Amino acid sequence: MAAQSQAEGLLRDGGRPGFGHYRHSLRSILGNFLTRAHGSGEIPRNLDRASPSWLKKVKSLASSFFVILLSGFSVAAATPNTQSEFWPEVDTYISLNSATRLFLLSSFRNNQEGDAWHGDFGAHINFALKPVFRRELRQRDDVFNKRFLSCQAGFRYISSLANGAPYLEHRWIVDCTPQYPLPGKIIVSDRSRGEMRFISGKPFSTRYRNKLQLERDFAIGRFVYTPYINGEVFYDTRYDAWDQNRYSAGVQVPAGAHVVLETYFLRQNHSRSASPHVNAFGLRFRFYF
């Protein structure tokens, strides 16, 4: 979130029981990890003046995090029917006014084993709603960065591009995302999304997705970056079941007044897919105008 805030600031200046168990476990794991990571106080603005004990703790926590992350993906890679994919994406946000903006998406998925490509192209309208109960937020100019609740509606065209099985889908989506501040400057967001899916050769269906994310801003001098971890579950009416889940960890870094670079690792498990397990490396460029 800080990465997006910094970029836009510079621009202005110049099965159901399983679902409940999953949500509870995710909140516990993510909350405990980030509380431990950030419970020691503020990060020094100048690393040259940081105490040896602070640097040692940060190095230990960072090392532990990446060991756990890489170990998890190594174990996942050994799982049968697991494929590796590369997910590049370009997002463009065009501000229409202080509370509305246009969001254009172009994302791709590459199955590295079969060299198959899929494309996902979309156009959306984002709305940041005026806080009703939190009066202190009403007068803030950067409403998208300080928003308590935002919503989105849009259309996506999804198709196979090369070397894969033919696929075509027209998808309408609507979602809302509340955000809450937690102790330690941690932000939790909980996105709920509904999808209406028109898949070629298959009957009309709908899908519900819920994504829980924790993030925290870090600053070293004027440099700001935002690491995050999240988890998402899917309910598909074609099967009347929670048939898919994803979890990922990544970081957002500003790259100038208009650009934010985001990179992440993602694990996907899909009980109804011919490829039930996916390990993905994602690279996302976000442009703000």
C-alpha atoms as a PDB file:
ATOM      1  CA  MET A   1       0.000   0.000   0.000  1.00  0.00           C
ATOM      2  CA  ALA A   2       2.849   2.410   0.765  1.00  0.00           C
ATOM      3  CA  ALA A   3       4.367   1.720  -2.640  1.00  0.00           C
ATOM      4  CA  GLN A   4       1.113   2.762  -4.307  1.00  0.00           C
ATOM      5  CA  SER A   5       0.771   5.720  -1.926  1.00  0.00           C
ATOM      6  CA  GLN A   6       4.300   6.919  -2.704  1.00  0.00           C
ATOM      7  CA  ALA A   7       3.822   6.656  -6.466  1.00  0.00           C
ATOM      8  CA  GLU A   8       0.490   8.489  -6.398  1.00  0.00           C
ATOM      9  CA  GLY A   9       1.865  11.050  -3.944  1.00  0.00           C
ATOM     10  CA  LEU A  10       4.752  11.827  -6.269  1.00  0.00           C
ATOM     11  CA  LEU A  11       2.279  12.111  -9.129  1.00  0.00           C
ATOM     12  CA  ARG A  12       0.192  14.642  -7.215  1.00  0.00           C
ATOM     13  CA  ASP A  13       3.278  16.529  -6.240  1.00  0.00           C
ATOM     14  CA  GLY A  14       4.913  16.442  -9.668  1.00  0.00           C
ATOM     15  CA  GLY A  15     -16.723 -27.226   1.447  1.00  0.00           C
ATOM     16  CA  ARG A  16     -18.102 -24.591   3.920  1.00  0.00           C
ATOM     17  CA  PRO A  17     -16.677 -26.039   7.188  1.00  0.00           C
ATOM     18  CA  GLY A  18     -13.297 -26.136   5.468  1.00  0.00           C
ATOM     19  CA  PHE A  19     -13.658 -22.475   4.570  1.00  0.00           C
ATOM     20  CA  GLY A  20     -14.192 -21.416   8.178  1.00  0.00           C
ATOM     21  CA  HIS A  21     -11.242 -23.452   9.372  1.00  0.00           C
ATOM     22  CA  TYR A  22      -9.082 -21.998   6.613  1.00  0.00           C
ATOM     23  CA  ARG A  23      -9.956 -18.390   7.507  1.00  0.00           C
ATOM     24  CA  HIS A  24      -9.290 -18.970  11.214  1.00  0.00           C
ATOM     25  CA  SER A  25      -5.931 -20.672  10.587  1.00  0.00           C
ATOM     26  CA  LEU A  26      -4.827 -18.047   8.089  1.00  0.00           C
ATOM     27  CA  ARG A  27      -5.573 -15.168  10.451  1.00  0.00           C
ATOM     28  CA  SER A  28      -3.710 -16.900  13.293  1.00  0.00           C
ATOM     29  CA  ILE A  29      -0.606 -17.753  11.268  1.00  0.00           C
ATOM     30  CA  LEU A  30      -0.274 -14.403   9.514  1.00  0.00           C
ATOM     31  CA  GLY A  31      -1.075 -12.404  12.614  1.00  0.00           C
ATOM     32  CA  ASN A  32       1.433 -14.209  14.812  1.00  0.00           C
ATOM     33  CA  PHE A  33       4.207 -13.912  12.238  1.00  0.00           C
ATOM     34  CA  LEU A  34       3.791 -10.196  11.580  1.00  0.00           C
ATOM     35  CA  THR A  35       3.297  -9.344  15.253  1.00  0.00           C
ATOM     36  CA  ARG A  36       6.584 -11.033  16.002  1.00  0.00           C
ATOM     37  CA  ALA A  37       8.288  -9.372  13.061  1.00  0.00           C
ATOM     38  CA  HIS A  38       7.252  -5.848  13.922  1.00  0.00           C
ATOM     39  CA  GLY A  39       6.801  -5.933  17.661  1.00  0.00           C
ATOM     40  CA  SER A  40      10.195  -4.357  18.410  1.00  0.00           C
ATOM     41  CA  GLY A  41       9.141  -0.814  17.458  1.00  0.00           C
ATOM     42  CA  GLU A  42       9.899   1.547  14.618  1.00  0.00           C
ATOM     43  CA  ILE A  43      12.401   0.792  11.873  1.00  0.00           C
ATOM     44  CA  PRO A  44      15.366   3.198  11.969  1.00  0.00           C
ATOM     45  CA  ARG A  45      15.163   5.818   9.235  1.00  0.00           C
ATOM     46  CA  ASN A  46      18.930   5.503   8.682  1.00  0.00           C
ATOM     47  CA  LEU A  47      20.389   2.012   8.689  1.00  0.00           C
ATOM     48  CA  ASP A  48      23.854   3.403   9.456  1.00  0.00           C
ATOM     49  CA  ARG A  49      22.528   4.464  12.861  1.00  0.00           C
ATOM     50  CA  ALA A  50      20.654   1.239  13.556  1.00  0.00           C
ATOM     51  CA  SER A  51      21.803  -0.745  16.564  1.00  0.00           C
ATOM     52  CA  PRO A  52      23.574  -4.078  15.963  1.00  0.00           C
ATOM     53  CA  SER A  53      20.838  -5.896  17.887  1.00  0.00           C
ATOM     54  CA  TRP A  54      18.123  -4.392  15.629  1.00  0.00           C
ATOM     55  CA  LEU A  55      19.997  -5.357  12.461  1.00  0.00           C
ATOM     56  CA  LYS A  56      20.625  -8.840  13.803  1.00  0.00           C
ATOM     57  CA  LYS A  57      16.943  -9.336  14.566  1.00  0.00           C
ATOM     58  CA  VAL A  58      15.852  -8.083  11.131  1.00  0.00           C
ATOM     59  CA  LYS A  59      18.381 -10.340   9.416  1.00  0.00           C
ATOM     60  CA  SER A  60      17.207 -13.324  11.474  1.00  0.00           C
ATOM     61  CA  LEU A  61      13.535 -12.688  10.747  1.00  0.00           C
ATOM     62  CA  ALA A  62      14.165 -12.095   7.040  1.00  0.00           C
ATOM     63  CA  SER A  63      16.265 -15.248   6.765  1.00  0.00           C
ATOM     64  CA  SER A  64      13.629 -17.305   8.561  1.00  0.00           C
ATOM     65  CA  PHE A  65      10.877 -15.942   6.319  1.00  0.00           C
ATOM     66  CA  PHE A  66      12.654 -16.752   3.074  1.00  0.00           C
ATOM     67  CA  VAL A  67      13.758 -20.181   4.304  1.00  0.00           C
ATOM     68  CA  ILE A  68      10.160 -21.004   5.196  1.00  0.00           C
ATOM     69  CA  LEU A  69       8.898 -19.621   1.883  1.00  0.00           C
ATOM     70  CA  LEU A  70      11.462 -21.419  -0.270  1.00  0.00           C
ATOM     71  CA  SER A  71      11.080 -24.635   1.704  1.00  0.00           C
ATOM     72  CA  GLY A  72       7.337 -24.517   1.190  1.00  0.00           C
ATOM     73  CA  PHE A  73       7.705 -24.140  -2.550  1.00  0.00           C
ATOM     74  CA  SER A  74      10.385 -26.847  -2.682  1.00  0.00           C
ATOM     75  CA  VAL A  75       8.068 -29.284  -0.931  1.00  0.00           C
ATOM     76  CA  ALA A  76       5.198 -28.181  -3.173  1.00  0.00           C
ATOM     77  CA  ALA A  77       7.321 -28.705  -6.267  1.00  0.00           C
ATOM     78  CA  ALA A  78       7.810 -32.316  -5.276  1.00  0.00           C
ATOM     79  CA  THR A  79       4.050 -32.865  -5.126  1.00  0.00           C
ATOM     80  CA  PRO A  80       2.737 -34.990  -8.019  1.00  0.00           C
ATOM     81  CA  ASN A  81       0.818 -33.135 -10.741  1.00  0.00           C
ATOM     82  CA  THR A  82       2.491 -29.822  -9.921  1.00  0.00           C
ATOM     83  CA  GLN A  83       3.384 -27.417 -12.708  1.00  0.00           C
ATOM     84  CA  SER A  84       5.450 -24.240 -12.675  1.00  0.00           C
ATOM     85  CA  GLU A  85       4.138 -21.063 -14.279  1.00  0.00           C
ATOM     86  CA  PHE A  86       5.200 -17.477 -14.901  1.00  0.00           C
ATOM     87  CA  TRP A  87       2.509 -14.794 -14.438  1.00  0.00           C
ATOM     88  CA  PRO A  88       3.496 -11.373 -15.907  1.00  0.00           C
ATOM     89  CA  GLU A  89       0.942  -8.570 -15.613  1.00  0.00           C
ATOM     90  CA  VAL A  90       0.527  -4.893 -16.482  1.00  0.00           C
ATOM     91  CA  ASP A  91      -2.096  -2.820 -14.615  1.00  0.00           C
ATOM     92  CA  THR A  92      -2.995   0.749 -15.544  1.00  0.00           C
ATOM     93  CA  TYR A  93      -4.954   3.061 -13.230  1.00  0.00           C
ATOM     94  CA  ILE A  94      -6.403   6.280 -14.658  1.00  0.00           C
ATOM     95  CA  SER A  95      -7.854   8.702 -12.125  1.00  0.00           C
ATOM     96  CA  LEU A  96     -11.241  10.145 -13.084  1.00  0.00           C
ATOM     97  CA  ASN A  97     -11.814  12.085  -9.857  1.00  0.00           C
ATOM     98  CA  SER A  98     -10.928  11.830  -6.170  1.00  0.00           C
ATOM     99  CA  ALA A  99     -13.115   8.754  -5.636  1.00  0.00           C
ATOM    100  CA  THR A 100     -13.282   7.033  -9.036  1.00  0.00           C
ATOM    101  CA  ARG A 101     -10.706   5.597 -11.387  1.00  0.00           C
ATOM    102  CA  LEU A 102     -10.456   3.348 -14.431  1.00  0.00           C
ATOM    103  CA  PHE A 103      -8.487   0.110 -14.069  1.00  0.00           C
ATOM    104  CA  LEU A 104      -7.175  -1.670 -17.192  1.00  0.00           C
ATOM    105  CA  LEU A 105      -5.650  -5.139 -16.823  1.00  0.00           C
ATOM    106  CA  SER A 106      -3.461  -7.240 -19.102  1.00  0.00           C
ATOM    107  CA  SER A 107      -2.165 -10.421 -17.490  1.00  0.00           C
ATOM    108  CA  PHE A 108      -0.684 -13.628 -18.835  1.00  0.00           C
ATOM    109  CA  ARG A 109       0.009 -17.152 -17.630  1.00  0.00           C
ATOM    110  CA  ASN A 110       2.783 -19.294 -19.038  1.00  0.00           C
ATOM    111  CA  ASN A 111       2.957 -23.025 -18.342  1.00  0.00           C
ATOM    112  CA  GLN A 112       6.705 -23.567 -18.482  1.00  0.00           C
ATOM    113  CA  GLU A 113       6.457 -27.327 -19.117  1.00  0.00           C
ATOM    114  CA  GLY A 114       4.194 -27.038 -22.171  1.00  0.00           C
ATOM    115  CA  ASP A 115       5.036 -23.450 -23.151  1.00  0.00           C
ATOM    116  CA  ALA A 116       1.305 -22.679 -23.245  1.00  0.00           C
ATOM    117  CA  TRP A 117       0.079 -19.103 -22.826  1.00  0.00           C
ATOM    118  CA  HIS A 118      -3.241 -17.729 -21.566  1.00  0.00           C
ATOM    119  CA  GLY A 119      -4.276 -14.068 -21.594  1.00  0.00           C
ATOM    120  CA  ASP A 120      -6.602 -12.182 -19.235  1.00  0.00           C
ATOM    121  CA  PHE A 121      -7.700  -8.695 -20.386  1.00  0.00           C
ATOM    122  CA  GLY A 122     -10.089  -6.492 -18.472  1.00  0.00           C
ATOM    123  CA  ALA A 123     -11.601  -3.055 -17.935  1.00  0.00           C
ATOM    124  CA  HIS A 124     -12.974  -1.991 -14.545  1.00  0.00           C
ATOM    125  CA  ILE A 125     -14.302   0.988 -12.629  1.00  0.00           C
ATOM    126  CA  ASN A 126     -13.007   1.425  -9.067  1.00  0.00           C
ATOM    127  CA  PHE A 127     -14.984   3.336  -6.444  1.00  0.00           C
ATOM    128  CA  ALA A 128     -13.693   4.495  -3.065  1.00  0.00           C
ATOM    129  CA  LEU A 129     -16.700   5.021  -0.822  1.00  0.00           C
ATOM    130  CA  LYS A 130     -16.941   7.907   1.637  1.00  0.00           C
ATOM    131  CA  PRO A 131     -16.536   6.633   5.217  1.00  0.00           C
ATOM    132  CA  VAL A 132     -19.841   6.720   7.068  1.00  0.00           C
ATOM    133  CA  PHE A 133     -18.699   6.040  10.626  1.00  0.00           C
ATOM    134  CA  ARG A 134     -15.022   7.131  10.401  1.00  0.00           C
ATOM    135  CA  ARG A 135     -15.432  10.893  10.024  1.00  0.00           C
ATOM    136  CA  GLU A 136     -11.689  11.566  10.236  1.00  0.00           C
ATOM    137  CA  LEU A 137     -11.221   9.939   6.826  1.00  0.00           C
ATOM    138  CA  ARG A 138     -13.769  12.034   4.935  1.00  0.00           C
ATOM    139  CA  GLN A 139     -11.557  15.022   4.160  1.00  0.00           C
ATOM    140  CA  ARG A 140      -8.460  13.145   2.994  1.00  0.00           C
ATOM    141  CA  ASP A 141      -7.482  13.769  -0.617  1.00  0.00           C
ATOM    142  CA  ASP A 142      -5.818  10.427  -1.325  1.00  0.00           C
ATOM    143  CA  VAL A 143      -9.037   8.532  -0.783  1.00  0.00           C
ATOM    144  CA  PHE A 144      -7.878   5.344  -2.532  1.00  0.00           C
ATOM    145  CA  ASN A 145      -4.797   5.028  -0.316  1.00  0.00           C
ATOM    146  CA  LYS A 146      -6.635   5.878   2.897  1.00  0.00           C
ATOM    147  CA  ARG A 147      -9.879   4.194   1.969  1.00  0.00           C
ATOM    148  CA  PHE A 148     -11.861   2.183   4.462  1.00  0.00           C
ATOM    149  CA  LEU A 149     -13.975   0.530   1.772  1.00  0.00           C
ATOM    150  CA  SER A 150     -13.555   0.328  -2.002  1.00  0.00           C
ATOM    151  CA  CYS A 151     -15.557  -1.492  -4.653  1.00  0.00           C
ATOM    152  CA  GLN A 152     -14.924  -2.556  -8.229  1.00  0.00           C
ATOM    153  CA  ALA A 153     -16.999  -3.663 -11.203  1.00  0.00           C
ATOM    154  CA  GLY A 154     -15.731  -4.793 -14.581  1.00  0.00           C
ATOM    155  CA  PHE A 155     -15.474  -7.217 -17.481  1.00  0.00           C
ATOM    156  CA  ARG A 156     -12.715  -9.636 -18.436  1.00  0.00           C
ATOM    157  CA  TYR A 157     -11.912 -11.503 -21.621  1.00  0.00           C
ATOM    158  CA  ILE A 158      -9.877 -14.670 -20.978  1.00  0.00           C
ATOM    159  CA  SER A 159      -8.488 -16.820 -23.769  1.00  0.00           C
ATOM    160  CA  SER A 160      -5.792 -19.323 -24.670  1.00  0.00           C
ATOM    161  CA  LEU A 161      -3.076 -17.674 -26.764  1.00  0.00           C
ATOM    162  CA  ALA A 162      -0.577 -20.312 -27.871  1.00  0.00           C
ATOM    163  CA  ASN A 163       0.196 -24.029 -27.609  1.00  0.00           C
ATOM    164  CA  GLY A 164      -2.497 -24.830 -25.054  1.00  0.00           C
ATOM    165  CA  ALA A 165      -5.938 -26.385 -25.080  1.00  0.00           C
ATOM    166  CA  PRO A 166      -8.522 -23.968 -26.559  1.00  0.00           C
ATOM    167  CA  TYR A 167     -10.220 -21.845 -23.885  1.00  0.00           C
ATOM    168  CA  LEU A 168     -12.491 -18.811 -24.023  1.00  0.00           C
ATOM    169  CA  GLU A 169     -14.321 -17.084 -21.196  1.00  0.00           C
ATOM    170  CA  HIS A 170     -16.266 -13.840 -20.770  1.00  0.00           C
ATOM    171  CA  ARG A 171     -16.403 -12.868 -17.105  1.00  0.00           C
ATOM    172  CA  TRP A 172     -18.253 -10.107 -15.261  1.00  0.00           C
ATOM    173  CA  ILE A 173     -16.975  -9.301 -11.783  1.00  0.00           C
ATOM    174  CA  VAL A 174     -17.920  -7.163  -8.800  1.00  0.00           C
ATOM    175  CA  ASP A 175     -16.054  -6.963  -5.508  1.00  0.00           C
ATOM    176  CA  CYS A 176     -15.680  -4.936  -2.323  1.00  0.00           C
ATOM    177  CA  THR A 177     -12.624  -4.629  -0.076  1.00  0.00           C
ATOM    178  CA  PRO A 178     -12.711  -3.218   3.459  1.00  0.00           C
ATOM    179  CA  GLN A 179      -9.407  -2.367   5.144  1.00  0.00           C
ATOM    180  CA  TYR A 180      -8.634  -2.200   8.851  1.00  0.00           C
ATOM    181  CA  PRO A 181      -5.561  -0.907  10.694  1.00  0.00           C
ATOM    182  CA  LEU A 182      -4.039  -3.263  13.268  1.00  0.00           C
ATOM    183  CA  PRO A 183      -1.441  -2.639  15.978  1.00  0.00           C
ATOM    184  CA  GLY A 184       2.108  -2.353  14.693  1.00  0.00           C
ATOM    185  CA  LYS A 185       1.028  -0.410  11.576  1.00  0.00           C
ATOM    186  CA  ILE A 186      -0.227  -3.604   9.956  1.00  0.00           C
ATOM    187  CA  ILE A 187      -3.124  -3.322   7.507  1.00  0.00           C
ATOM    188  CA  VAL A 188      -5.569  -6.178   6.989  1.00  0.00           C
ATOM    189  CA  SER A 189      -7.864  -6.263   3.953  1.00  0.00           C
ATOM    190  CA  ASP A 190     -10.652  -8.734   3.203  1.00  0.00           C
ATOM    191  CA  ARG A 191     -11.805  -8.774  -0.415  1.00  0.00           C
ATOM    192  CA  SER A 192     -15.074 -10.478  -1.402  1.00  0.00           C
ATOM    193  CA  ARG A 193     -15.613 -11.005  -5.123  1.00  0.00           C
ATOM    194  CA  GLY A 194     -18.496 -12.381  -7.164  1.00  0.00           C
ATOM    195  CA  GLU A 195     -17.979 -13.599 -10.736  1.00  0.00           C
ATOM    196  CA  MET A 196     -20.463 -14.405 -13.500  1.00  0.00           C
ATOM    197  CA  ARG A 197     -18.734 -16.730 -15.947  1.00  0.00           C
ATOM    198  CA  PHE A 198     -19.607 -17.489 -19.559  1.00  0.00           C
ATOM    199  CA  ILE A 199     -17.177 -20.255 -20.559  1.00  0.00           C
ATOM    200  CA  SER A 200     -17.253 -21.474 -24.142  1.00  0.00           C
ATOM    201  CA  GLY A 201     -18.798 -24.942 -24.379  1.00  0.00           C
ATOM    202  CA  LYS A 202     -19.999 -24.946 -20.750  1.00  0.00           C
ATOM    203  CA  PRO A 203     -23.161 -23.748 -18.986  1.00  0.00           C
ATOM    204  CA  PHE A 204     -23.299 -20.378 -17.230  1.00  0.00           C
ATOM    205  CA  SER A 205     -21.858 -20.445 -13.709  1.00  0.00           C
ATOM    206  CA  THR A 206     -20.935 -18.153 -10.849  1.00  0.00           C
ATOM    207  CA  ARG A 207     -18.031 -18.154  -8.426  1.00  0.00           C
ATOM    208  CA  TYR A 208     -17.327 -16.522  -5.076  1.00  0.00           C
ATOM    209  CA  ARG A 209     -13.799 -15.597  -3.993  1.00  0.00           C
ATOM    210  CA  ASN A 210     -12.571 -14.355  -0.639  1.00  0.00           C
ATOM    211  CA  LYS A 211      -9.041 -12.996  -0.184  1.00  0.00           C
ATOM    212  CA  LEU A 212      -7.509 -12.088   3.167  1.00  0.00           C
ATOM    213  CA  GLN A 213      -4.271 -10.070   3.138  1.00  0.00           C
ATOM    214  CA  LEU A 214      -1.864  -8.616   5.682  1.00  0.00           C
ATOM    215  CA  GLU A 215       0.692  -5.958   4.739  1.00  0.00           C
ATOM    216  CA  ARG A 216       2.992  -3.462   6.407  1.00  0.00           C
ATOM    217  CA  ASP A 217       4.927  -0.458   5.135  1.00  0.00           C
ATOM    218  CA  PHE A 218       8.684  -0.170   5.680  1.00  0.00           C
ATOM    219  CA  ALA A 219      10.832   2.906   5.109  1.00  0.00           C
ATOM    220  CA  ILE A 220      14.590   3.341   4.793  1.00  0.00           C
ATOM    221  CA  GLY A 221      15.061   7.045   4.415  1.00  0.00           C
ATOM    222  CA  ARG A 222      12.757   8.062   1.531  1.00  0.00           C
ATOM    223  CA  PHE A 223      12.641   4.546   0.118  1.00  0.00           C
ATOM    224  CA  VAL A 224       9.357   2.792   0.909  1.00  0.00           C
ATOM    225  CA  TYR A 225       8.406  -0.826   0.253  1.00  0.00           C
ATOM    226  CA  THR A 226       5.469  -2.994   1.276  1.00  0.00           C
ATOM    227  CA  PRO A 227       5.789  -6.749   1.880  1.00  0.00           C
ATOM    228  CA  TYR A 228       2.561  -8.744   2.169  1.00  0.00           C
ATOM    229  CA  ILE A 229       1.149 -12.223   2.573  1.00  0.00           C
ATOM    230  CA  ASN A 230      -2.335 -13.393   1.620  1.00  0.00           C
ATOM    231  CA  GLY A 231      -4.632 -16.344   1.115  1.00  0.00           C
ATOM    232  CA  GLU A 232      -7.702 -16.805  -1.084  1.00  0.00           C
ATOM    233  CA  VAL A 233     -10.462 -19.411  -1.362  1.00  0.00           C
ATOM    234  CA  PHE A 234     -12.934 -20.079  -4.211  1.00  0.00           C
ATOM    235  CA  TYR A 235     -16.504 -21.414  -4.166  1.00  0.00           C
ATOM    236  CA  ASP A 236     -17.665 -22.672  -7.600  1.00  0.00           C
ATOM    237  CA  THR A 237     -21.369 -23.239  -8.259  1.00  0.00           C
ATOM    238  CA  ARG A 238     -20.540 -25.790 -10.965  1.00  0.00           C
ATOM    239  CA  TYR A 239     -19.471 -28.169  -8.216  1.00  0.00           C
ATOM    240  CA  ASP A 240     -21.223 -26.602  -5.187  1.00  0.00           C
ATOM    241  CA  ALA A 241     -17.905 -26.790  -3.364  1.00  0.00           C
ATOM    242  CA  TRP A 242     -14.892 -24.837  -2.149  1.00  0.00           C
ATOM    243  CA  ASP A 243     -12.682 -26.297  -4.841  1.00  0.00           C
ATOM    244  CA  GLN A 244      -9.659 -23.974  -5.002  1.00  0.00           C
ATOM    245  CA  ASN A 245      -7.290 -22.041  -2.761  1.00  0.00           C
ATOM    246  CA  ARG A 246      -4.250 -19.832  -3.240  1.00  0.00           C
ATOM    247  CA  TYR A 247      -1.646 -18.364  -0.932  1.00  0.00           C
ATOM    248  CA  SER A 248       1.203 -16.034  -1.787  1.00  0.00           C
ATOM    249  CA  ALA A 249       3.892 -13.714  -0.445  1.00  0.00           C
ATOM    250  CA  GLY A 250       5.317 -10.702  -2.231  1.00  0.00           C
ATOM    251  CA  VAL A 251       6.552  -7.136  -2.067  1.00  0.00           C
ATOM    252  CA  GLN A 252       5.592  -3.832  -3.731  1.00  0.00           C
ATOM    253  CA  VAL A 253       8.329  -1.315  -4.560  1.00  0.00           C
ATOM    254  CA  PRO A 254       7.904   2.152  -6.158  1.00  0.00           C
ATOM    255  CA  ALA A 255       9.900   2.742  -9.349  1.00  0.00           C
ATOM    256  CA  GLY A 256       9.300   6.410  -9.988  1.00  0.00           C
ATOM    257  CA  ALA A 257       6.378   8.810  -9.870  1.00  0.00           C
ATOM    258  CA  HIS A 258       4.020   6.670 -11.938  1.00  0.00           C
ATOM    259  CA  VAL A 259       5.137   3.065 -11.492  1.00  0.00           C
ATOM    260  CA  VAL A 260       5.009   0.409  -8.786  1.00  0.00           C
ATOM    261  CA  LEU A 261       6.786  -2.920  -9.275  1.00  0.00           C
ATOM    262  CA  GLU A 262       5.408  -5.985  -7.543  1.00  0.00           C
ATOM    263  CA  THR A 263       6.880  -9.476  -7.414  1.00  0.00           C
ATOM    264  CA  TYR A 264       5.502 -12.530  -5.641  1.00  0.00           C
ATOM    265  CA  PHE A 265       5.439 -16.303  -5.263  1.00  0.00           C
ATOM    266  CA  LEU A 266       2.065 -18.053  -5.359  1.00  0.00           C
ATOM    267  CA  ARG A 267       0.833 -21.575  -4.650  1.00  0.00           C
ATOM    268  CA  GLN A 268      -2.494 -22.718  -6.120  1.00  0.00           C
ATOM    269  CA  ASN A 269      -4.403 -25.902  -5.290  1.00  0.00           C
ATOM    270  CA  HIS A 270      -7.442 -26.819  -7.398  1.00  0.00           C
ATOM    271  CA  SER A 271      -9.224 -30.106  -6.700  1.00  0.00           C
ATOM    272  CA  ARG A 272     -11.209 -30.065  -9.974  1.00  0.00           C
ATOM    273  CA  SER A 273      -8.402 -29.139 -12.361  1.00  0.00           C
ATOM    274  CA  ALA A 274      -6.339 -31.383 -14.635  1.00  0.00           C
ATOM    275  CA  SER A 275      -3.343 -29.574 -13.094  1.00  0.00           C
ATOM    276  CA  PRO A 276      -4.303 -29.584  -9.414  1.00  0.00           C
ATOM    277  CA  HIS A 277      -1.185 -27.818  -8.133  1.00  0.00           C
ATOM    278  CA  VAL A 278       0.561 -24.737  -9.508  1.00  0.00           C
ATOM    279  CA  ASN A 279       3.664 -22.890  -8.321  1.00  0.00           C
ATOM    280  CA  ALA A 280       3.744 -19.434  -9.900  1.00  0.00           C
ATOM    281  CA  PHE A 281       6.239 -16.604  -9.968  1.00  0.00           C
ATOM    282  CA  GLY A 282       4.457 -13.309 -10.610  1.00  0.00           C
ATOM    283  CA  LEU A 283       5.793  -9.997 -11.894  1.00  0.00           C
ATOM    284  CA  ARG A 284       3.340  -7.083 -11.939  1.00  0.00           C
ATOM    285  CA  PHE A 285       3.842  -3.528 -13.204  1.00  0.00           C
ATOM    286  CA  ARG A 286       1.340  -0.913 -12.023  1.00  0.00           C
ATOM    287  CA  PHE A 287       1.072   2.456 -13.769  1.00  0.00           C
ATOM    288  CA  TYR A 288      -0.782   5.413 -12.201  1.00  0.00           C
ATOM    289  CA  PHE A 289      -2.067   8.427 -14.108  1.00  0.00           C
END
